[in-house]
């Protein structure tokens, strides 16, 4: 009987960049390594739609309860059982049947649960998409079995400690860092001064880059930028990114004193802007945090979604890699203080260095190839 051709399926979900950006980085790394080594292996990519769920107080409670040892099973087990009845499960099974992979690399918890339950049973490598404590639903029951070949990849020590706490065997937890897009790795290799010159940004001021999420918090974001600009901080240059929202861009351009307004940015443009910045105003998403670490820029969290982003904020505060200022007044005070006191920025940058980002996608790609070639 003919030997089946080796193959890997990179599986992700969602419309935003929180899952697709790191998955895309690993997919690109796999294809590059395949070409360089002349490997006879197929690399597939699938973005499976997952029904949106409310990010609210109920989701916050679900996240906290999933990590409470006294109630975890009451929350996580019904969730696991329900996964097999969702459209996501059907879509994942269809992709596995279509590509017939030896290994599935997945970085979305609902899709990870689904992949672990399909009867076709390919080896599953689950890459967690956040730096701090995550929802315990990331860990399928199959991952805990001694006879399972499944593995969970975590960005660092916090991720490993969390997996072990929830009962994942230590031999199944591997630290390989947080993969970032190649544009950010390329930007990291250039000096801030060089990138600022290219982008027309001042060399003699602190630069804040902050995104309005393409208008999701348009009114709040415009007011925040207007209030910050009104402080007239002489040592600060503000770059406000409107994204795809023409309305938000127009509202930002109307602010006086004016701010530096940018529209929808490509990955390369966003990487350069983040590299050029001293600090970035961000939502507490895992990919954004990882990209800040990659280009040595200090994240200042001004907005969050419920659930796992609470864990990301605790990670930043615990590790001292950035700052959290969700209240408008506190955010403005934080930016004003950081503009005048660069020592705080330097301390955060030093703390970031223990987190592996640049080169992580290549390391993960090689790890996946090695697993497949072993079979």
Protein backbone atom coordinates (compact mmCIF):
# COMPACT_ATOMS: atom_id res chain seq x y z
CA UNK A 1 0.00 0.00 0.00
CA UNK A 2 1.32 3.47 -0.92
CA UNK A 3 2.56 5.63 1.94
CA UNK A 4 0.36 8.64 2.61
CA UNK A 5 2.06 11.97 1.85
CA UNK A 6 3.02 13.90 5.00
CA UNK A 7 0.86 16.93 5.74
CA UNK A 8 0.21 19.61 8.36
CA UNK A 9 -3.00 21.61 8.76
CA UNK A 10 -2.71 25.06 10.36
CA UNK A 11 -6.14 25.76 11.81
CA UNK A 12 -7.35 29.06 13.22
CA UNK A 13 -10.53 31.08 13.60
CA UNK A 14 -11.91 34.54 14.11
CA UNK A 15 -12.11 37.75 12.12
CA UNK A 16 -9.55 39.76 14.10
CA UNK A 17 -5.82 39.33 14.31
CA UNK A 18 -5.66 37.74 17.77
CA UNK A 19 -5.66 34.21 16.35
CA UNK A 20 -5.01 34.72 12.65
CA UNK A 21 -1.81 36.78 13.04
CA UNK A 22 0.20 34.18 15.02
CA UNK A 23 -1.28 31.32 12.98
CA UNK A 24 -0.31 33.10 9.77
CA UNK A 25 3.22 33.59 11.10
CA UNK A 26 3.59 29.86 11.73
CA UNK A 27 2.05 28.99 8.35
CA UNK A 28 4.53 31.28 6.57
CA UNK A 29 7.42 29.78 8.54
CA UNK A 30 6.34 26.24 7.63
CA UNK A 31 6.21 27.06 3.93
CA UNK A 32 9.60 28.75 4.06
CA UNK A 33 11.20 25.80 5.84
CA UNK A 34 9.57 23.36 3.44
CA UNK A 35 11.05 25.19 0.45
CA UNK A 36 14.50 25.67 1.95
CA UNK A 37 14.80 22.02 2.96
CA UNK A 38 13.09 20.64 -0.14
CA UNK A 39 10.67 18.65 2.01
CA UNK A 40 8.06 16.40 0.45
CA UNK A 41 5.28 17.63 2.72
CA UNK A 42 1.98 19.49 2.28
CA UNK A 43 1.19 22.58 4.35
CA UNK A 44 -2.49 23.57 4.53
CA UNK A 45 -4.20 26.57 6.15
CA UNK A 46 -7.83 26.97 7.19
CA UNK A 47 -9.65 29.80 8.95
CA UNK A 48 -12.85 28.33 10.34
CA UNK A 49 -15.67 30.68 11.27
CA UNK A 50 -16.70 30.51 14.90
CA UNK A 51 -20.04 31.91 16.00
CA UNK A 52 -19.47 35.13 17.95
CA UNK A 53 -20.15 34.98 21.65
CA UNK A 54 -20.94 37.87 24.00
CA UNK A 55 -17.89 39.42 25.65
CA UNK A 56 -19.60 40.64 28.82
CA UNK A 57 -19.83 40.09 32.58
CA UNK A 58 -21.16 36.56 32.02
CA UNK A 59 -18.10 35.71 29.94
CA UNK A 60 -15.85 37.17 32.66
CA UNK A 61 -17.47 34.90 35.23
CA UNK A 62 -17.17 31.87 32.93
CA UNK A 63 -13.45 32.58 32.52
CA UNK A 64 -12.86 32.97 36.27
CA UNK A 65 -14.90 29.89 37.16
CA UNK A 66 -13.03 27.79 34.60
CA UNK A 67 -9.85 28.49 36.60
CA UNK A 68 -11.38 27.84 40.01
CA UNK A 69 -10.47 24.30 41.10
CA UNK A 70 -13.71 23.98 43.07
CA UNK A 71 -16.05 24.70 40.15
CA UNK A 72 -13.90 24.11 37.06
CA UNK A 73 -15.53 20.83 36.04
CA UNK A 74 -19.00 22.36 36.37
CA UNK A 75 -18.03 25.00 33.81
CA UNK A 76 -15.59 23.25 31.49
CA UNK A 77 -17.12 19.79 31.07
CA UNK A 78 -20.50 20.97 29.71
CA UNK A 79 -18.56 23.31 27.42
CA UNK A 80 -16.51 20.39 26.09
CA UNK A 81 -19.59 18.27 25.47
CA UNK A 82 -21.37 21.10 23.67
CA UNK A 83 -18.45 21.63 21.29
CA UNK A 84 -19.25 18.37 19.50
CA UNK A 85 -22.72 19.75 18.67
CA UNK A 86 -21.62 23.08 17.19
CA UNK A 87 -21.15 24.27 13.63
CA UNK A 88 -17.46 24.74 14.48
CA UNK A 89 -17.14 21.01 15.08
CA UNK A 90 -18.68 20.19 11.70
CA UNK A 91 -16.44 22.72 9.95
CA UNK A 92 -13.30 21.37 11.64
CA UNK A 93 -14.20 17.79 10.77
CA UNK A 94 -14.82 18.82 7.15
CA UNK A 95 -11.36 20.43 6.95
CA UNK A 96 -9.69 17.39 8.47
CA UNK A 97 -11.49 15.12 6.01
CA UNK A 98 -10.54 17.44 3.13
CA UNK A 99 -6.83 17.64 3.90
CA UNK A 100 -6.32 14.35 5.78
CA UNK A 101 -3.42 15.80 7.83
CA UNK A 102 -0.98 13.86 9.96
CA UNK A 103 -0.90 16.78 12.37
CA UNK A 104 -3.21 19.71 13.18
CA UNK A 105 -1.71 22.92 14.59
CA UNK A 106 -4.53 24.98 16.12
CA UNK A 107 -4.55 28.21 18.13
CA UNK A 108 -8.25 28.63 18.96
CA UNK A 109 -9.75 26.92 22.01
CA UNK A 110 -13.12 26.02 20.47
CA UNK A 111 -11.44 24.60 17.38
CA UNK A 112 -8.89 22.76 19.53
CA UNK A 113 -11.70 21.04 21.40
CA UNK A 114 -13.37 20.19 18.10
CA UNK A 115 -10.17 18.80 16.53
CA UNK A 116 -9.60 16.58 19.55
CA UNK A 117 -13.05 15.03 19.15
CA UNK A 118 -13.12 14.14 15.46
CA UNK A 119 -13.04 10.37 14.86
CA UNK A 120 -10.22 10.78 12.32
CA UNK A 121 -7.96 11.50 15.32
CA UNK A 122 -4.89 13.29 13.88
CA UNK A 123 -2.21 14.43 16.32
CA UNK A 124 -3.15 17.89 17.59
CA UNK A 125 -0.70 20.58 18.67
CA UNK A 126 -2.55 23.34 20.52
CA UNK A 127 -0.87 26.76 20.66
CA UNK A 128 -2.36 29.00 23.32
CA UNK A 129 -2.91 32.54 22.06
CA UNK A 130 -2.38 34.56 25.25
CA UNK A 131 0.42 35.22 27.72
CA UNK A 132 -1.38 35.04 31.06
CA UNK A 133 -3.75 32.47 32.63
CA UNK A 134 -6.26 31.34 29.99
CA UNK A 135 -9.66 29.66 29.94
CA UNK A 136 -9.28 26.07 31.14
CA UNK A 137 -11.35 25.03 28.13
CA UNK A 138 -8.14 25.30 26.06
CA UNK A 139 -7.15 21.83 27.27
CA UNK A 140 -9.16 18.97 25.72
CA UNK A 141 -9.59 15.81 27.78
CA UNK A 142 -7.63 13.87 25.16
CA UNK A 143 -4.61 16.06 25.89
CA UNK A 144 -4.51 14.66 29.44
CA UNK A 145 -4.44 11.00 28.42
CA UNK A 146 -1.11 9.20 28.70
CA UNK A 147 -1.60 7.47 25.33
CA UNK A 148 -2.35 10.71 23.48
CA UNK A 149 0.28 12.29 21.23
CA UNK A 150 -1.32 15.72 21.58
CA UNK A 151 0.79 18.63 22.86
CA UNK A 152 0.09 22.15 24.09
CA UNK A 153 2.50 24.95 23.17
CA UNK A 154 2.72 27.91 25.56
CA UNK A 155 4.54 31.27 25.25
CA UNK A 156 6.33 31.12 28.59
CA UNK A 157 6.50 29.94 32.18
CA UNK A 158 3.09 31.38 33.12
CA UNK A 159 1.41 29.36 30.40
CA UNK A 160 3.17 26.19 31.50
CA UNK A 161 2.25 26.69 35.15
CA UNK A 162 -1.39 27.20 34.20
CA UNK A 163 -1.52 24.06 32.05
CA UNK A 164 0.05 21.95 34.80
CA UNK A 165 -2.35 23.39 37.36
CA UNK A 166 -5.30 22.20 35.29
CA UNK A 167 -3.93 18.65 35.07
CA UNK A 168 -2.07 18.59 31.74
CA UNK A 169 0.95 16.22 32.09
CA UNK A 170 4.25 18.10 32.11
CA UNK A 171 5.66 16.09 29.20
CA UNK A 172 2.83 17.47 27.03
CA UNK A 173 3.57 21.15 27.72
CA UNK A 174 6.26 22.80 25.58
CA UNK A 175 7.47 26.42 25.80
CA UNK A 176 8.27 27.77 22.31
CA UNK A 177 7.51 31.48 22.70
CA UNK A 178 4.91 33.65 20.97
CA UNK A 179 4.99 33.72 17.14
CA UNK A 180 4.71 37.15 15.50
CA UNK A 181 4.23 38.19 11.90
CA UNK A 182 7.32 38.48 9.72
CA UNK A 183 6.67 42.21 9.28
CA UNK A 184 7.29 42.73 12.99
CA UNK A 185 10.42 40.59 12.95
CA UNK A 186 11.71 42.67 10.03
CA UNK A 187 10.89 45.94 11.80
CA UNK A 188 12.63 44.72 14.96
CA UNK A 189 15.90 44.53 13.03
CA UNK A 190 15.86 48.28 12.33
CA UNK A 191 16.59 51.12 14.75
CA UNK A 192 13.76 53.31 15.98
CA UNK A 193 15.53 56.35 14.60
CA UNK A 194 15.75 54.88 11.10
CA UNK A 195 12.08 53.91 11.07
CA UNK A 196 11.01 57.30 12.43
CA UNK A 197 12.84 59.07 9.65
CA UNK A 198 11.10 56.86 7.09
CA UNK A 199 7.68 57.56 8.62
CA UNK A 200 8.25 61.29 9.15
CA UNK A 201 8.09 61.06 12.95
CA UNK A 202 10.08 63.36 15.26
CA UNK A 203 13.37 62.12 16.71
CA UNK A 204 13.34 64.45 19.70
CA UNK A 205 10.01 63.42 21.30
CA UNK A 206 8.43 60.37 22.86
CA UNK A 207 6.04 58.73 20.38
CA UNK A 208 2.73 57.14 21.34
CA UNK A 209 1.03 54.91 18.75
CA UNK A 210 -2.56 54.03 19.60
CA UNK A 211 -5.29 52.32 17.58
CA UNK A 212 -9.01 53.04 17.77
CA UNK A 213 -10.00 49.55 16.73
CA UNK A 214 -11.48 50.68 13.39
CA UNK A 215 -14.23 52.61 15.18
CA UNK A 216 -15.44 49.98 17.66
CA UNK A 217 -14.99 52.50 20.49
CA UNK A 218 -15.12 55.55 18.23
CA UNK A 219 -16.67 58.09 20.58
CA UNK A 220 -14.57 57.05 23.54
CA UNK A 221 -11.38 56.94 21.48
CA UNK A 222 -11.95 60.38 19.91
CA UNK A 223 -12.62 61.89 23.33
CA UNK A 224 -9.54 60.19 24.76
CA UNK A 225 -7.31 61.56 21.99
CA UNK A 226 -8.83 65.05 22.24
CA UNK A 227 -8.29 65.13 25.99
CA UNK A 228 -4.71 63.87 25.69
CA UNK A 229 -3.92 66.38 22.93
CA UNK A 230 -5.42 69.09 25.11
CA UNK A 231 -2.79 68.44 27.74
CA UNK A 232 -0.29 69.87 25.22
CA UNK A 233 2.59 67.71 26.38
CA UNK A 234 5.68 69.21 24.71
CA UNK A 235 7.68 65.96 24.76
CA UNK A 236 4.94 63.78 23.20
CA UNK A 237 3.95 63.00 19.59
CA UNK A 238 0.61 61.18 19.24
CA UNK A 239 -0.09 58.83 16.32
CA UNK A 240 -3.79 57.88 16.33
CA UNK A 241 -4.78 55.04 14.00
CA UNK A 242 -8.36 55.13 12.73
CA UNK A 243 -8.16 51.87 10.81
CA UNK A 244 -10.91 51.28 8.25
CA UNK A 245 -13.39 53.76 9.76
CA UNK A 246 -13.67 56.92 7.63
CA UNK A 247 -15.90 58.50 10.28
CA UNK A 248 -13.36 57.93 13.04
CA UNK A 249 -10.56 59.27 10.83
CA UNK A 250 -12.53 62.47 10.13
CA UNK A 251 -13.32 62.95 13.83
CA UNK A 252 -9.67 62.48 14.78
CA UNK A 253 -8.50 64.91 12.10
CA UNK A 254 -10.84 67.54 13.56
CA UNK A 255 -9.09 67.48 16.98
CA UNK A 256 -7.29 70.64 18.04
CA UNK A 257 -4.46 70.73 18.95
CA UNK A 258 -3.98 68.26 16.12
CA UNK A 259 -2.76 64.67 16.37
CA UNK A 260 -1.00 62.60 13.72
CA UNK A 261 -3.85 60.57 12.21
CA UNK A 262 -3.30 57.42 10.13
CA UNK A 263 -5.94 55.34 8.37
CA UNK A 264 -6.00 51.62 7.61
CA UNK A 265 -2.47 50.23 7.94
CA UNK A 266 -0.95 47.17 6.31
CA UNK A 267 0.96 44.71 8.49
CA UNK A 268 4.22 46.31 7.35
CA UNK A 269 3.00 49.83 8.19
CA UNK A 270 1.67 48.74 11.59
CA UNK A 271 4.93 46.98 12.37
CA UNK A 272 6.96 50.09 11.48
CA UNK A 273 4.71 52.39 13.52
CA UNK A 274 4.90 50.10 16.54
CA UNK A 275 8.68 49.84 16.19
CA UNK A 276 8.98 53.63 15.90
CA UNK A 277 6.96 54.17 19.08
CA UNK A 278 8.23 54.39 22.63
CA UNK A 279 4.89 53.11 23.89
CA UNK A 280 1.70 51.77 22.30
CA UNK A 281 -1.85 52.23 23.57
CA UNK A 282 -3.43 48.81 23.10
CA UNK A 283 -6.33 46.51 23.81
CA UNK A 284 -5.09 43.63 25.98
CA UNK A 285 -4.95 41.03 23.21
CA UNK A 286 -2.24 38.36 23.16
CA UNK A 287 -1.03 39.06 19.61
CA UNK A 288 -0.72 42.81 20.19
CA UNK A 289 1.25 42.26 23.38
CA UNK A 290 3.57 39.81 21.63
CA UNK A 291 4.14 42.24 18.77
CA UNK A 292 5.02 45.02 21.22
CA UNK A 293 7.58 42.71 22.82
CA UNK A 294 8.98 41.83 19.40
CA UNK A 295 9.77 45.44 18.48
CA UNK A 296 10.78 46.62 21.98
CA UNK A 297 7.84 48.94 22.52
CA UNK A 298 6.09 49.32 25.87
CA UNK A 299 2.36 48.43 25.85
CA UNK A 300 -0.06 50.64 27.80
CA UNK A 301 -3.45 48.92 28.03
CA UNK A 302 -6.33 51.36 27.70
CA UNK A 303 -9.09 48.95 26.68
CA UNK A 304 -9.96 45.28 27.15
CA UNK A 305 -12.52 42.65 26.26
CA UNK A 306 -13.87 40.29 28.89
CA UNK A 307 -12.39 37.00 29.93
CA UNK A 308 -8.84 36.06 28.97
CA UNK A 309 -7.71 39.66 28.47
CA UNK A 310 -7.96 40.02 32.24
CA UNK A 311 -5.22 37.41 32.44
CA UNK A 312 -3.13 39.29 29.88
CA UNK A 313 -3.37 42.45 31.97
CA UNK A 314 -2.28 40.56 35.08
CA UNK A 315 0.64 39.18 33.06
CA UNK A 316 1.79 42.69 32.13
CA UNK A 317 1.50 43.94 35.69
CA UNK A 318 3.11 40.86 37.25
CA UNK A 319 6.04 40.82 34.82
CA UNK A 320 6.46 44.60 34.68
CA UNK A 321 6.53 44.62 30.88
CA UNK A 322 4.09 47.49 30.43
CA UNK A 323 1.29 49.41 32.11
CA UNK A 324 -2.47 49.10 32.59
CA UNK A 325 -4.62 52.24 32.68
CA UNK A 326 -8.23 51.51 31.75
CA UNK A 327 -9.64 54.71 33.21
CA UNK A 328 -9.35 57.71 30.84
CA UNK A 329 -7.76 60.01 33.40
CA UNK A 330 -5.32 57.32 34.53
CA UNK A 331 -4.32 56.61 30.93
CA UNK A 332 -3.60 60.26 30.22
CA UNK A 333 -1.63 60.59 33.46
CA UNK A 334 0.31 57.43 32.61
CA UNK A 335 1.26 58.72 29.15
CA UNK A 336 2.24 62.10 30.59
CA UNK A 337 4.39 60.44 33.23
CA UNK A 338 6.09 58.10 30.77
CA UNK A 339 6.85 60.98 28.42
CA UNK A 340 8.68 62.79 31.21
CA UNK A 341 10.27 59.77 32.95
CA UNK A 342 12.02 57.46 30.47
CA UNK A 343 13.48 55.30 33.26
CA UNK A 344 10.09 53.58 33.65
CA UNK A 345 10.10 52.71 29.96
CA UNK A 346 13.60 51.27 30.16
CA UNK A 347 12.66 49.04 33.08
CA UNK A 348 9.69 47.63 31.15
CA UNK A 349 11.85 46.98 28.10
CA UNK A 350 14.37 45.10 30.21
CA UNK A 351 11.58 42.92 31.61
CA UNK A 352 10.33 42.10 28.09
CA UNK A 353 13.60 40.48 27.09
CA UNK A 354 12.88 37.18 28.81
CA UNK A 355 9.90 36.57 26.48
CA UNK A 356 10.69 34.80 23.20
CA UNK A 357 8.97 36.35 20.15
CA UNK A 358 11.34 36.94 17.21
CA UNK A 359 12.24 33.52 15.82
CA UNK A 360 9.37 31.79 17.63
CA UNK A 361 7.40 31.12 14.43
CA UNK A 362 10.43 29.42 12.87
CA UNK A 363 11.03 27.40 16.04
CA UNK A 364 7.41 26.26 16.13
CA UNK A 365 7.48 25.43 12.41
CA UNK A 366 10.56 23.25 12.85
CA UNK A 367 8.97 21.57 15.87
CA UNK A 368 5.86 20.69 13.83
CA UNK A 369 7.90 19.41 10.88
CA UNK A 370 9.98 17.23 13.20
CA UNK A 371 6.81 15.76 14.72
CA UNK A 372 5.39 14.89 11.32
CA UNK A 373 8.62 13.42 9.98
CA UNK A 374 8.90 11.20 13.07
CA UNK A 375 5.64 9.46 12.16
